[in-house]
Amino acid sequence: MEKALKRARIANFRFHDCRHTWATNHMIQEIPTRPLQELGGWSSEKMVQMCAHLNTEHLRQYAGNSSQFDTNLTPAQIQ
């Protein structure tokens, strides 16, 4: 395996990384977390979400919504 990784110029590879890729690909395909938890053998849904590394592109549509809130609060208004 080391020869293949060297030829592919992949550094710092751990076989466990494949598990993360597998979970991420399933989450992208919108497989529900509970079945994915069972398929992957994770003890909780939280563990599935820690292993699935999603990009944040799906959050872009919500990112601009913060401009509708008044962020110029005085210290008296915060307390």
C-alpha atoms as a PDB file:
ATOM      1  CA  MET A   1       0.000   0.000   0.000  1.00  0.00           C
ATOM      2  CA  GLU A   2       2.880   2.378   0.724  1.00  0.00           C
ATOM      3  CA  LYS A   3       4.069   2.138  -2.884  1.00  0.00           C
ATOM      4  CA  ALA A   4       0.627   3.039  -4.204  1.00  0.00           C
ATOM      5  CA  LEU A   5       0.359   6.019  -1.850  1.00  0.00           C
ATOM      6  CA  LYS A   6       3.791   7.218  -2.873  1.00  0.00           C
ATOM      7  CA  ARG A   7       2.942   6.902  -6.590  1.00  0.00           C
ATOM      8  CA  ALA A   8      -0.313   8.794  -6.012  1.00  0.00           C
ATOM      9  CA  ARG A   9       1.578  11.430  -3.996  1.00  0.00           C
ATOM     10  CA  ILE A  10      -0.726  10.954  -1.018  1.00  0.00           C
ATOM     11  CA  ALA A  11       0.890  11.848   2.300  1.00  0.00           C
ATOM     12  CA  ASN A  12      -0.358  11.260   5.841  1.00  0.00           C
ATOM     13  CA  PHE A  13      -2.958   8.721   4.766  1.00  0.00           C
ATOM     14  CA  ARG A  14      -4.692   6.574   7.350  1.00  0.00           C
ATOM     15  CA  PHE A  15      -7.012   3.756   6.329  1.00  0.00           C
ATOM     16  CA  HIS A  16      -9.554   5.251   8.731  1.00  0.00           C
ATOM     17  CA  ASP A  17      -9.759   8.259   6.370  1.00  0.00           C
ATOM     18  CA  CYS A  18     -11.752   6.030   4.003  1.00  0.00           C
ATOM     19  CA  ARG A  19     -14.439   5.725   6.665  1.00  0.00           C
ATOM     20  CA  HIS A  20     -14.747   9.515   6.814  1.00  0.00           C
ATOM     21  CA  THR A  21     -14.987   9.725   3.024  1.00  0.00           C
ATOM     22  CA  TRP A  22     -17.618   6.988   2.989  1.00  0.00           C
ATOM     23  CA  ALA A  23     -19.742   8.793   5.602  1.00  0.00           C
ATOM     24  CA  THR A  24     -19.339  12.146   3.872  1.00  0.00           C
ATOM     25  CA  ASN A  25     -20.407  10.740   0.504  1.00  0.00           C
ATOM     26  CA  HIS A  26     -23.503   9.195   2.060  1.00  0.00           C
ATOM     27  CA  MET A  27     -24.435  12.440   3.802  1.00  0.00           C
ATOM     28  CA  ILE A  28     -24.063  14.326   0.513  1.00  0.00           C
ATOM     29  CA  GLN A  29     -26.487  11.808  -1.013  1.00  0.00           C
ATOM     30  CA  GLU A  30     -28.887  12.755   1.821  1.00  0.00           C
ATOM     31  CA  ILE A  31     -28.901   9.348   3.496  1.00  0.00           C
ATOM     32  CA  PRO A  32     -30.598   9.916   6.871  1.00  0.00           C
ATOM     33  CA  THR A  33     -28.236   9.976   9.835  1.00  0.00           C
ATOM     34  CA  ARG A  34     -29.877   7.106  11.757  1.00  0.00           C
ATOM     35  CA  PRO A  35     -29.517   4.471   8.990  1.00  0.00           C
ATOM     36  CA  LEU A  36     -26.000   5.734   8.288  1.00  0.00           C
ATOM     37  CA  GLN A  37     -25.183   5.292  11.974  1.00  0.00           C
ATOM     38  CA  GLU A  38     -26.297   1.671  11.803  1.00  0.00           C
ATOM     39  CA  LEU A  39     -24.477   0.994   8.529  1.00  0.00           C
ATOM     40  CA  GLY A  40     -21.232   2.467   9.827  1.00  0.00           C
ATOM     41  CA  GLY A  41     -21.477   0.990  13.299  1.00  0.00           C
ATOM     42  CA  TRP A  42     -21.287   4.308  15.144  1.00  0.00           C
ATOM     43  CA  SER A  43     -22.596   4.453  18.706  1.00  0.00           C
ATOM     44  CA  SER A  44     -24.516   7.710  18.221  1.00  0.00           C
ATOM     45  CA  GLU A  45     -25.762  10.107  15.566  1.00  0.00           C
ATOM     46  CA  LYS A  46     -23.347  12.676  16.968  1.00  0.00           C
ATOM     47  CA  MET A  47     -20.434  10.380  16.041  1.00  0.00           C
ATOM     48  CA  VAL A  48     -21.755  10.123  12.467  1.00  0.00           C
ATOM     49  CA  GLN A  49     -21.823  13.892  12.160  1.00  0.00           C
ATOM     50  CA  MET A  50     -18.285  14.142  13.523  1.00  0.00           C
ATOM     51  CA  CYS A  51     -17.070  11.687  10.881  1.00  0.00           C
ATOM     52  CA  ALA A  52     -18.955  13.147   7.928  1.00  0.00           C
ATOM     53  CA  HIS A  53     -17.109  16.231   6.762  1.00  0.00           C
ATOM     54  CA  LEU A  54     -19.527  18.250   4.714  1.00  0.00           C
ATOM     55  CA  ASN A  55     -18.645  21.375   2.841  1.00  0.00           C
ATOM     56  CA  THR A  56     -20.472  24.502   3.853  1.00  0.00           C
ATOM     57  CA  GLU A  57     -21.765  25.473   0.421  1.00  0.00           C
ATOM     58  CA  HIS A  58     -25.323  24.600   1.475  1.00  0.00           C
ATOM     59  CA  LEU A  59     -25.091  27.339   4.159  1.00  0.00           C
ATOM     60  CA  ARG A  60     -24.290  30.104   1.676  1.00  0.00           C
ATOM     61  CA  GLN A  61     -27.960  30.922   1.114  1.00  0.00           C
ATOM     62  CA  TYR A  62     -28.383  31.664   4.833  1.00  0.00           C
ATOM     63  CA  ALA A  63     -25.152  33.566   5.421  1.00  0.00           C
ATOM     64  CA  GLY A  64     -26.467  36.907   4.169  1.00  0.00           C
ATOM     65  CA  ASN A  65     -29.469  36.900   6.496  1.00  0.00           C
ATOM     66  CA  SER A  66     -27.512  38.430   9.379  1.00  0.00           C
ATOM     67  CA  SER A  67     -27.723  41.894   7.781  1.00  0.00           C
ATOM     68  CA  GLN A  68     -31.378  42.148   8.794  1.00  0.00           C
ATOM     69  CA  PHE A  69     -30.424  42.240  12.474  1.00  0.00           C
ATOM     70  CA  ASP A  70     -29.262  45.375  14.264  1.00  0.00           C
ATOM     71  CA  THR A  71     -25.709  44.646  15.348  1.00  0.00           C
ATOM     72  CA  ASN A  72     -25.036  48.172  16.601  1.00  0.00           C
ATOM     73  CA  LEU A  73     -26.232  47.558  20.141  1.00  0.00           C
ATOM     74  CA  THR A  74     -25.092  49.667  23.057  1.00  0.00           C
ATOM     75  CA  PRO A  75     -23.739  47.966  26.218  1.00  0.00           C
ATOM     76  CA  ALA A  76     -26.999  48.862  28.000  1.00  0.00           C
ATOM     77  CA  GLN A  77     -29.033  47.028  25.367  1.00  0.00           C
ATOM     78  CA  ILE A  78     -26.884  43.892  25.664  1.00  0.00           C
ATOM     79  CA  GLN A  79     -27.409  43.593  29.412  1.00  0.00           C
END
